[in-house]
Amino acid sequence: MELWYTEKQTPTYGITMKVKETYVSEQTEFQQLDMIETEEFGTMLVLDGMVMTTDKDEWVYHEMVAHPVLYTHPNPKKVLVVGGGDGGVIREILKHPSVEKAVLVDIDGKVIEYSKKYLPQIACGLEDPRVEVHVNDGFMHIHDHKNEYDVVMVDSTEPVGPAVNLFTRGFYQGIYDALKEDGIFVAQTDNPWFTPELITNVNRDVKEVFPIVRVFWANVPTYPSGLWTFTMGSKKYDPLEVDESSIPEIDTKYYSPRLHKAAFVLPKFVEDLIK
């Protein structure tokens, strides 16, 4: 018998893939967590029925959360990741020699535990001595750490369940307060095909808090529509003013110095969402 997994990305649309094996299917304290082995994308982490990361395409998302913002800040030393318990963003952060400490705060310790076991190539940086891991509420961590971080990265699920508070103006204000005077933050902000209103609302809210706001995008095949956006809010530095020649070539598969500014060139229908 063939077993297939389908993510219903909208009530009328989904993606489906053949499953080789189910490693974990567990209702944690916060969400339904599944770890499955698929024929096409390898090992896949699924939370509340939504694909979070896979062996095959994880590097696109994790590189684009980390590198555009870290190469916009001239000297990022202390970085916070809210969510991201799979460890992929942490792995990319550690490629930056200026970073002295990377703090990961994920509300669900089971994500961290199972990612270490079943996605070791993604979670490989979580044991690094520069990394500090907390199983806690990211919203509260932001509230309790003022003027502390150079960069904050929000690697959350879509705005359902425990991630709902991570898409509010109050959270963005909290991030502003947790950043140093020249700090920058970045967050994943879903896709313009199925959730255009989310991009519009987030852009509006972030602009009420940060003087410089930029939206960029990447192609992530297993995410709804494949076209995925990110929003950067900065107190001082503009990613469009970065000298591309100053960006070193590092070990990446998607991000490159040439892509840095190109990622901020949006299709017109996405531009229209944030006017």
C-alpha atoms as a PDB file:
ATOM      1  CA  MET A   1       0.000   0.000   0.000  1.00  0.00           C
ATOM      2  CA  GLU A   2       1.283   3.469  -0.865  1.00  0.00           C
ATOM      3  CA  LEU A   3       1.182   6.169   1.807  1.00  0.00           C
ATOM      4  CA  TRP A   4       0.972   9.825   0.759  1.00  0.00           C
ATOM      5  CA  TYR A   5       1.141  12.995   2.838  1.00  0.00           C
ATOM      6  CA  THR A   6      -0.904  16.018   1.750  1.00  0.00           C
ATOM      7  CA  GLU A   7      -0.617  19.510   3.155  1.00  0.00           C
ATOM      8  CA  LYS A   8      -3.822  21.430   2.521  1.00  0.00           C
ATOM      9  CA  GLN A   9      -2.273  24.831   1.972  1.00  0.00           C
ATOM     10  CA  THR A  10      -5.709  26.362   1.455  1.00  0.00           C
ATOM     11  CA  PRO A  11      -9.152  24.763   1.772  1.00  0.00           C
ATOM     12  CA  THR A  12      -9.045  24.063  -1.983  1.00  0.00           C
ATOM     13  CA  TYR A  13      -5.333  23.574  -2.742  1.00  0.00           C
ATOM     14  CA  GLY A  14      -2.528  21.407  -1.420  1.00  0.00           C
ATOM     15  CA  ILE A  15       0.721  19.601  -2.166  1.00  0.00           C
ATOM     16  CA  THR A  16       1.196  15.882  -1.808  1.00  0.00           C
ATOM     17  CA  MET A  17       4.172  13.548  -1.638  1.00  0.00           C
ATOM     18  CA  LYS A  18       4.856   9.866  -1.194  1.00  0.00           C
ATOM     19  CA  VAL A  19       5.915   8.794   2.303  1.00  0.00           C
ATOM     20  CA  LYS A  20       8.522   6.092   2.971  1.00  0.00           C
ATOM     21  CA  GLU A  21       8.351   6.074   6.761  1.00  0.00           C
ATOM     22  CA  THR A  22       6.849   7.892   9.738  1.00  0.00           C
ATOM     23  CA  TYR A  23       9.372   8.525  12.505  1.00  0.00           C
ATOM     24  CA  VAL A  24       7.263  10.623  14.898  1.00  0.00           C
ATOM     25  CA  SER A  25       3.598  11.561  15.187  1.00  0.00           C
ATOM     26  CA  GLU A  26       3.008  13.284  18.494  1.00  0.00           C
ATOM     27  CA  GLN A  27       0.775  15.914  20.016  1.00  0.00           C
ATOM     28  CA  THR A  28       3.168  18.037  22.040  1.00  0.00           C
ATOM     29  CA  GLU A  29       2.117  20.569  24.641  1.00  0.00           C
ATOM     30  CA  PHE A  30       1.789  23.159  21.886  1.00  0.00           C
ATOM     31  CA  GLN A  31       1.185  21.515  18.491  1.00  0.00           C
ATOM     32  CA  GLN A  32       0.931  18.354  16.428  1.00  0.00           C
ATOM     33  CA  LEU A  33       4.459  17.320  15.465  1.00  0.00           C
ATOM     34  CA  ASP A  34       5.201  14.837  12.676  1.00  0.00           C
ATOM     35  CA  MET A  35       8.577  13.771  11.378  1.00  0.00           C
ATOM     36  CA  ILE A  36       8.292  11.770   8.169  1.00  0.00           C
ATOM     37  CA  GLU A  37      10.585  10.400   5.475  1.00  0.00           C
ATOM     38  CA  THR A  38       9.399  11.280   1.972  1.00  0.00           C
ATOM     39  CA  GLU A  39      10.519   9.976  -1.412  1.00  0.00           C
ATOM     40  CA  GLU A  40      10.991  13.419  -2.979  1.00  0.00           C
ATOM     41  CA  PHE A  41      12.130  15.725  -0.171  1.00  0.00           C
ATOM     42  CA  GLY A  42      13.757  13.363   2.316  1.00  0.00           C
ATOM     43  CA  THR A  43      13.105  13.859   6.012  1.00  0.00           C
ATOM     44  CA  MET A  44      10.365  16.418   6.658  1.00  0.00           C
ATOM     45  CA  LEU A  45       9.282  18.242   9.815  1.00  0.00           C
ATOM     46  CA  VAL A  46       5.556  19.003   9.890  1.00  0.00           C
ATOM     47  CA  LEU A  47       3.863  21.126  12.576  1.00  0.00           C
ATOM     48  CA  ASP A  48       0.078  21.317  12.794  1.00  0.00           C
ATOM     49  CA  GLY A  49      -0.141  19.911   9.268  1.00  0.00           C
ATOM     50  CA  MET A  50       2.243  22.495   7.776  1.00  0.00           C
ATOM     51  CA  VAL A  51       5.654  21.664   6.293  1.00  0.00           C
ATOM     52  CA  MET A  52       8.362  23.432   8.263  1.00  0.00           C
ATOM     53  CA  THR A  53      11.548  22.088   6.719  1.00  0.00           C
ATOM     54  CA  THR A  54      12.888  19.253   4.576  1.00  0.00           C
ATOM     55  CA  ASP A  55      16.252  17.752   3.694  1.00  0.00           C
ATOM     56  CA  LYS A  56      15.975  18.818   0.058  1.00  0.00           C
ATOM     57  CA  ASP A  57      15.121  22.519   0.215  1.00  0.00           C
ATOM     58  CA  GLU A  58      15.790  23.648   3.807  1.00  0.00           C
ATOM     59  CA  TRP A  59      18.879  25.642   2.888  1.00  0.00           C
ATOM     60  CA  VAL A  60      16.946  28.189   0.843  1.00  0.00           C
ATOM     61  CA  TYR A  61      14.847  29.371   3.760  1.00  0.00           C
ATOM     62  CA  HIS A  62      17.553  29.175   6.415  1.00  0.00           C
ATOM     63  CA  GLU A  63      20.122  31.027   4.323  1.00  0.00           C
ATOM     64  CA  MET A  64      17.680  33.786   3.437  1.00  0.00           C
ATOM     65  CA  VAL A  65      16.579  34.338   7.027  1.00  0.00           C
ATOM     66  CA  ALA A  66      20.181  34.656   8.174  1.00  0.00           C
ATOM     67  CA  HIS A  67      22.501  36.142   5.573  1.00  0.00           C
ATOM     68  CA  PRO A  68      20.728  39.202   4.113  1.00  0.00           C
ATOM     69  CA  VAL A  69      20.273  40.701   7.574  1.00  0.00           C
ATOM     70  CA  LEU A  70      23.697  39.677   8.922  1.00  0.00           C
ATOM     71  CA  TYR A  71      25.443  41.200   5.918  1.00  0.00           C
ATOM     72  CA  THR A  72      23.369  44.362   6.292  1.00  0.00           C
ATOM     73  CA  HIS A  73      24.561  44.881   9.874  1.00  0.00           C
ATOM     74  CA  PRO A  74      28.273  45.846   9.808  1.00  0.00           C
ATOM     75  CA  ASN A  75      29.253  44.003  13.008  1.00  0.00           C
ATOM     76  CA  PRO A  76      26.623  41.620  14.408  1.00  0.00           C
ATOM     77  CA  LYS A  77      27.893  40.126  17.663  1.00  0.00           C
ATOM     78  CA  LYS A  78      24.806  38.954  19.547  1.00  0.00           C
ATOM     79  CA  VAL A  79      21.905  37.430  17.611  1.00  0.00           C
ATOM     80  CA  LEU A  80      18.525  36.129  18.741  1.00  0.00           C
ATOM     81  CA  VAL A  81      16.436  33.540  16.891  1.00  0.00           C
ATOM     82  CA  VAL A  82      12.804  33.290  17.962  1.00  0.00           C
ATOM     83  CA  GLY A  83      11.445  29.879  16.977  1.00  0.00           C
ATOM     84  CA  GLY A  84      13.687  27.942  14.636  1.00  0.00           C
ATOM     85  CA  GLY A  85      13.999  24.912  16.885  1.00  0.00           C
ATOM     86  CA  ASP A  86      15.187  22.798  13.951  1.00  0.00           C
ATOM     87  CA  GLY A  87      18.471  24.721  14.162  1.00  0.00           C
ATOM     88  CA  GLY A  88      18.838  25.641  10.498  1.00  0.00           C
ATOM     89  CA  VAL A  89      19.046  29.401  11.028  1.00  0.00           C
ATOM     90  CA  ILE A  90      21.515  28.895  13.873  1.00  0.00           C
ATOM     91  CA  ARG A  91      23.715  26.817  11.545  1.00  0.00           C
ATOM     92  CA  GLU A  92      23.809  29.708   9.052  1.00  0.00           C
ATOM     93  CA  ILE A  93      24.452  32.354  11.724  1.00  0.00           C
ATOM     94  CA  LEU A  94      27.538  30.456  12.863  1.00  0.00           C
ATOM     95  CA  LYS A  95      29.113  31.011   9.436  1.00  0.00           C
ATOM     96  CA  HIS A  96      29.630  34.656  10.464  1.00  0.00           C
ATOM     97  CA  PRO A  97      32.855  35.066  12.453  1.00  0.00           C
ATOM     98  CA  SER A  98      31.721  38.347  14.042  1.00  0.00           C
ATOM     99  CA  VAL A  99      28.925  36.547  15.933  1.00  0.00           C
ATOM    100  CA  GLU A 100      29.988  35.902  19.508  1.00  0.00           C
ATOM    101  CA  LYS A 101      26.667  34.554  20.794  1.00  0.00           C
ATOM    102  CA  ALA A 102      23.560  33.171  19.096  1.00  0.00           C
ATOM    103  CA  VAL A 103      20.529  32.688  21.333  1.00  0.00           C
ATOM    104  CA  LEU A 104      17.724  30.336  20.265  1.00  0.00           C
ATOM    105  CA  VAL A 105      14.339  30.582  21.987  1.00  0.00           C
ATOM    106  CA  ASP A 106      11.711  28.046  20.923  1.00  0.00           C
ATOM    107  CA  ILE A 107       8.530  27.390  22.873  1.00  0.00           C
ATOM    108  CA  ASP A 108       8.442  23.680  22.014  1.00  0.00           C
ATOM    109  CA  GLY A 109      11.377  21.629  23.223  1.00  0.00           C
ATOM    110  CA  LYS A 110      10.155  18.612  21.261  1.00  0.00           C
ATOM    111  CA  VAL A 111      10.992  20.389  17.997  1.00  0.00           C
ATOM    112  CA  ILE A 112      14.576  20.763  19.170  1.00  0.00           C
ATOM    113  CA  GLU A 113      14.759  17.183  20.454  1.00  0.00           C
ATOM    114  CA  TYR A 114      13.435  15.501  17.321  1.00  0.00           C
ATOM    115  CA  SER A 115      15.359  17.776  14.959  1.00  0.00           C
ATOM    116  CA  LYS A 116      18.624  16.757  16.621  1.00  0.00           C
ATOM    117  CA  LYS A 117      17.655  13.102  16.154  1.00  0.00           C
ATOM    118  CA  TYR A 118      16.155  13.088  12.667  1.00  0.00           C
ATOM    119  CA  LEU A 119      17.569  16.249  11.037  1.00  0.00           C
ATOM    120  CA  PRO A 120      21.167  16.276  12.310  1.00  0.00           C
ATOM    121  CA  GLN A 121      22.514  18.099   9.256  1.00  0.00           C
ATOM    122  CA  ILE A 122      20.133  20.978  10.044  1.00  0.00           C
ATOM    123  CA  ALA A 123      20.457  20.939  13.839  1.00  0.00           C
ATOM    124  CA  CYS A 124      24.235  20.508  13.759  1.00  0.00           C
ATOM    125  CA  GLY A 125      24.983  23.955  15.200  1.00  0.00           C
ATOM    126  CA  LEU A 126      22.871  23.677  18.341  1.00  0.00           C
ATOM    127  CA  GLU A 127      25.754  22.192  20.361  1.00  0.00           C
ATOM    128  CA  ASP A 128      28.219  24.907  19.315  1.00  0.00           C
ATOM    129  CA  PRO A 129      29.729  26.778  22.299  1.00  0.00           C
ATOM    130  CA  ARG A 130      28.565  30.109  20.850  1.00  0.00           C
ATOM    131  CA  VAL A 131      24.933  28.933  20.984  1.00  0.00           C
ATOM    132  CA  GLU A 132      22.558  29.307  23.926  1.00  0.00           C
ATOM    133  CA  VAL A 133      19.277  27.354  23.689  1.00  0.00           C
ATOM    134  CA  HIS A 134      16.172  28.222  25.722  1.00  0.00           C
ATOM    135  CA  VAL A 135      12.859  26.376  25.690  1.00  0.00           C
ATOM    136  CA  ASN A 136      10.653  29.340  26.387  1.00  0.00           C
ATOM    137  CA  ASP A 137       8.109  31.799  24.971  1.00  0.00           C
ATOM    138  CA  GLY A 138       9.894  34.048  22.467  1.00  0.00           C
ATOM    139  CA  PHE A 139       7.388  36.830  23.064  1.00  0.00           C
ATOM    140  CA  MET A 140       8.297  36.926  26.754  1.00  0.00           C
ATOM    141  CA  HIS A 141      12.030  36.614  26.067  1.00  0.00           C
ATOM    142  CA  ILE A 142      11.863  39.703  23.864  1.00  0.00           C
ATOM    143  CA  HIS A 143      10.000  41.552  26.615  1.00  0.00           C
ATOM    144  CA  ASP A 144      12.619  40.661  29.225  1.00  0.00           C
ATOM    145  CA  HIS A 145      15.761  41.573  27.219  1.00  0.00           C
ATOM    146  CA  LYS A 146      15.963  45.266  26.388  1.00  0.00           C
ATOM    147  CA  ASN A 147      18.738  46.857  24.304  1.00  0.00           C
ATOM    148  CA  GLU A 148      20.610  43.555  24.118  1.00  0.00           C
ATOM    149  CA  TYR A 149      20.725  42.204  20.557  1.00  0.00           C
ATOM    150  CA  ASP A 150      22.330  43.391  17.343  1.00  0.00           C
ATOM    151  CA  VAL A 151      20.024  41.232  15.213  1.00  0.00           C
ATOM    152  CA  VAL A 152      16.734  39.453  15.914  1.00  0.00           C
ATOM    153  CA  MET A 153      15.425  36.783  13.547  1.00  0.00           C
ATOM    154  CA  VAL A 154      11.859  35.487  13.788  1.00  0.00           C
ATOM    155  CA  ASP A 155      11.753  31.948  12.395  1.00  0.00           C
ATOM    156  CA  SER A 156       8.162  31.091  13.207  1.00  0.00           C
ATOM    157  CA  THR A 157       5.381  28.985  11.789  1.00  0.00           C
ATOM    158  CA  GLU A 158       2.488  30.686  10.032  1.00  0.00           C
ATOM    159  CA  PRO A 159       0.309  32.758  12.422  1.00  0.00           C
ATOM    160  CA  VAL A 160      -1.573  29.876  14.020  1.00  0.00           C
ATOM    161  CA  GLY A 161      -1.325  28.284  17.451  1.00  0.00           C
ATOM    162  CA  PRO A 162       1.641  29.459  19.546  1.00  0.00           C
ATOM    163  CA  ALA A 163       2.914  31.722  16.736  1.00  0.00           C
ATOM    164  CA  VAL A 164      -0.097  34.053  16.629  1.00  0.00           C
ATOM    165  CA  ASN A 165       1.537  36.622  18.933  1.00  0.00           C
ATOM    166  CA  LEU A 166       4.603  36.768  16.686  1.00  0.00           C
ATOM    167  CA  PHE A 167       2.657  38.646  13.994  1.00  0.00           C
ATOM    168  CA  THR A 168       1.491  41.633  16.038  1.00  0.00           C
ATOM    169  CA  ARG A 169       2.557  45.256  16.258  1.00  0.00           C
ATOM    170  CA  GLY A 170       3.235  44.788  19.962  1.00  0.00           C
ATOM    171  CA  PHE A 171       5.750  42.062  19.171  1.00  0.00           C
ATOM    172  CA  TYR A 172       7.527  44.268  16.645  1.00  0.00           C
ATOM    173  CA  GLN A 173       7.716  47.045  19.232  1.00  0.00           C
ATOM    174  CA  GLY A 174       9.151  44.552  21.687  1.00  0.00           C
ATOM    175  CA  ILE A 175      11.782  43.561  19.126  1.00  0.00           C
ATOM    176  CA  TYR A 176      12.649  47.237  18.591  1.00  0.00           C
ATOM    177  CA  ASP A 177      13.203  47.611  22.331  1.00  0.00           C
ATOM    178  CA  ALA A 178      15.292  44.420  22.516  1.00  0.00           C
ATOM    179  CA  LEU A 179      17.611  45.656  19.767  1.00  0.00           C
ATOM    180  CA  LYS A 180      20.573  47.931  20.298  1.00  0.00           C
ATOM    181  CA  GLU A 181      20.500  51.440  18.830  1.00  0.00           C
ATOM    182  CA  ASP A 182      21.591  50.204  15.386  1.00  0.00           C
ATOM    183  CA  GLY A 183      19.835  46.832  15.482  1.00  0.00           C
ATOM    184  CA  ILE A 184      17.944  45.025  12.722  1.00  0.00           C
ATOM    185  CA  PHE A 185      15.295  42.319  12.698  1.00  0.00           C
ATOM    186  CA  VAL A 186      13.941  39.975  10.053  1.00  0.00           C
ATOM    187  CA  ALA A 187      10.873  37.739   9.989  1.00  0.00           C
ATOM    188  CA  GLN A 188       9.338  35.301   7.563  1.00  0.00           C
ATOM    189  CA  THR A 189       6.089  36.815   6.287  1.00  0.00           C
ATOM    190  CA  ASP A 190       4.416  34.048   4.292  1.00  0.00           C
ATOM    191  CA  ASN A 191       3.425  34.193   0.622  1.00  0.00           C
ATOM    192  CA  PRO A 192       1.637  36.763  -1.557  1.00  0.00           C
ATOM    193  CA  TRP A 193      -0.559  34.288  -3.456  1.00  0.00           C
ATOM    194  CA  PHE A 194      -2.629  32.914  -0.600  1.00  0.00           C
ATOM    195  CA  THR A 195      -2.008  35.373   2.277  1.00  0.00           C
ATOM    196  CA  PRO A 196      -1.547  38.802   0.653  1.00  0.00           C
ATOM    197  CA  GLU A 197      -3.306  40.548   3.533  1.00  0.00           C
ATOM    198  CA  LEU A 198      -0.720  39.202   5.982  1.00  0.00           C
ATOM    199  CA  ILE A 199       2.118  40.820   4.028  1.00  0.00           C
ATOM    200  CA  THR A 200       0.219  44.103   3.834  1.00  0.00           C
ATOM    201  CA  ASN A 201      -0.603  44.105   7.547  1.00  0.00           C
ATOM    202  CA  VAL A 202       2.887  43.141   8.698  1.00  0.00           C
ATOM    203  CA  ASN A 203       4.474  45.786   6.469  1.00  0.00           C
ATOM    204  CA  ARG A 204       2.144  48.442   7.861  1.00  0.00           C
ATOM    205  CA  ASP A 205       2.811  47.431  11.473  1.00  0.00           C
ATOM    206  CA  VAL A 206       6.583  47.223  11.061  1.00  0.00           C
ATOM    207  CA  LYS A 207       6.653  50.650   9.370  1.00  0.00           C
ATOM    208  CA  GLU A 208       4.964  52.092  12.453  1.00  0.00           C
ATOM    209  CA  VAL A 209       7.931  50.904  14.519  1.00  0.00           C
ATOM    210  CA  PHE A 210      11.062  50.891  12.312  1.00  0.00           C
ATOM    211  CA  PRO A 211      12.328  53.741  10.110  1.00  0.00           C
ATOM    212  CA  ILE A 212      13.686  51.394   7.419  1.00  0.00           C
ATOM    213  CA  VAL A 213      11.524  48.496   6.193  1.00  0.00           C
ATOM    214  CA  ARG A 214      12.316  46.207   3.253  1.00  0.00           C
ATOM    215  CA  VAL A 215      10.620  43.113   1.859  1.00  0.00           C
ATOM    216  CA  PHE A 216      12.536  40.399   0.008  1.00  0.00           C
ATOM    217  CA  TRP A 217      11.749  36.954  -1.306  1.00  0.00           C
ATOM    218  CA  ALA A 218      13.025  33.473  -2.114  1.00  0.00           C
ATOM    219  CA  ASN A 219      11.810  30.307  -3.819  1.00  0.00           C
ATOM    220  CA  VAL A 220      11.018  27.524  -1.321  1.00  0.00           C
ATOM    221  CA  PRO A 221       9.341  24.619  -3.178  1.00  0.00           C
ATOM    222  CA  THR A 222       7.598  23.017  -0.175  1.00  0.00           C
ATOM    223  CA  TYR A 223       6.063  26.256   1.126  1.00  0.00           C
ATOM    224  CA  PRO A 224       2.653  27.418  -0.137  1.00  0.00           C
ATOM    225  CA  SER A 225       3.025  28.701  -3.733  1.00  0.00           C
ATOM    226  CA  GLY A 226       6.830  28.416  -3.546  1.00  0.00           C
ATOM    227  CA  LEU A 227       7.221  32.207  -3.433  1.00  0.00           C
ATOM    228  CA  TRP A 228       8.096  33.157   0.139  1.00  0.00           C
ATOM    229  CA  THR A 229       8.586  36.618   1.591  1.00  0.00           C
ATOM    230  CA  PHE A 230      10.627  38.044   4.428  1.00  0.00           C
ATOM    231  CA  THR A 231      10.363  41.464   6.058  1.00  0.00           C
ATOM    232  CA  MET A 232      13.343  43.339   7.463  1.00  0.00           C
ATOM    233  CA  GLY A 233      13.023  46.229   9.910  1.00  0.00           C
ATOM    234  CA  SER A 234      16.116  48.303  10.671  1.00  0.00           C
ATOM    235  CA  LYS A 235      16.916  51.193  12.973  1.00  0.00           C
ATOM    236  CA  LYS A 236      19.852  52.449  10.904  1.00  0.00           C
ATOM    237  CA  TYR A 237      21.170  50.234   8.085  1.00  0.00           C
ATOM    238  CA  ASP A 238      19.504  49.797   4.712  1.00  0.00           C
ATOM    239  CA  PRO A 239      20.104  46.429   2.992  1.00  0.00           C
ATOM    240  CA  LEU A 240      19.905  48.206  -0.371  1.00  0.00           C
ATOM    241  CA  GLU A 241      22.937  50.330   0.514  1.00  0.00           C
ATOM    242  CA  VAL A 242      25.214  47.386   1.234  1.00  0.00           C
ATOM    243  CA  ASP A 243      28.333  47.247  -0.924  1.00  0.00           C
ATOM    244  CA  GLU A 244      28.029  43.841  -2.566  1.00  0.00           C
ATOM    245  CA  SER A 245      31.778  43.693  -3.132  1.00  0.00           C
ATOM    246  CA  SER A 246      32.268  43.688   0.644  1.00  0.00           C
ATOM    247  CA  ILE A 247      30.203  40.511   1.084  1.00  0.00           C
ATOM    248  CA  PRO A 248      32.463  37.440   1.222  1.00  0.00           C
ATOM    249  CA  GLU A 249      31.705  34.236  -0.629  1.00  0.00           C
ATOM    250  CA  ILE A 250      30.690  31.753   2.060  1.00  0.00           C
ATOM    251  CA  ASP A 251      29.464  28.167   2.035  1.00  0.00           C
ATOM    252  CA  THR A 252      25.904  28.596   0.733  1.00  0.00           C
ATOM    253  CA  LYS A 253      23.690  27.041  -1.921  1.00  0.00           C
ATOM    254  CA  TYR A 254      21.169  29.851  -2.507  1.00  0.00           C
ATOM    255  CA  TYR A 255      22.353  33.154  -1.071  1.00  0.00           C
ATOM    256  CA  SER A 256      25.252  34.961  -2.741  1.00  0.00           C
ATOM    257  CA  PRO A 257      26.648  38.504  -2.786  1.00  0.00           C
ATOM    258  CA  ARG A 258      25.017  39.000  -6.208  1.00  0.00           C
ATOM    259  CA  LEU A 259      21.656  37.871  -4.851  1.00  0.00           C
ATOM    260  CA  HIS A 260      21.740  40.198  -1.852  1.00  0.00           C
ATOM    261  CA  LYS A 261      20.113  43.207  -3.541  1.00  0.00           C
ATOM    262  CA  ALA A 262      18.380  41.183  -6.244  1.00  0.00           C
ATOM    263  CA  ALA A 263      16.199  39.486  -3.612  1.00  0.00           C
ATOM    264  CA  PHE A 264      14.652  42.857  -2.793  1.00  0.00           C
ATOM    265  CA  VAL A 265      13.397  43.329  -6.367  1.00  0.00           C
ATOM    266  CA  LEU A 266       9.751  42.333  -6.021  1.00  0.00           C
ATOM    267  CA  PRO A 267       7.181  41.293  -8.605  1.00  0.00           C
ATOM    268  CA  LYS A 268       4.838  44.208  -9.169  1.00  0.00           C
ATOM    269  CA  PHE A 269       1.850  42.511  -7.555  1.00  0.00           C
ATOM    270  CA  VAL A 270       3.919  42.112  -4.369  1.00  0.00           C
ATOM    271  CA  GLU A 271       5.091  45.725  -4.582  1.00  0.00           C
ATOM    272  CA  ASP A 272       1.465  46.747  -4.741  1.00  0.00           C
ATOM    273  CA  LEU A 273       0.744  44.917  -1.469  1.00  0.00           C
ATOM    274  CA  ILE A 274       3.149  47.112   0.473  1.00  0.00           C
ATOM    275  CA  LYS A 275       2.557  50.539  -1.089  1.00  0.00           C
END
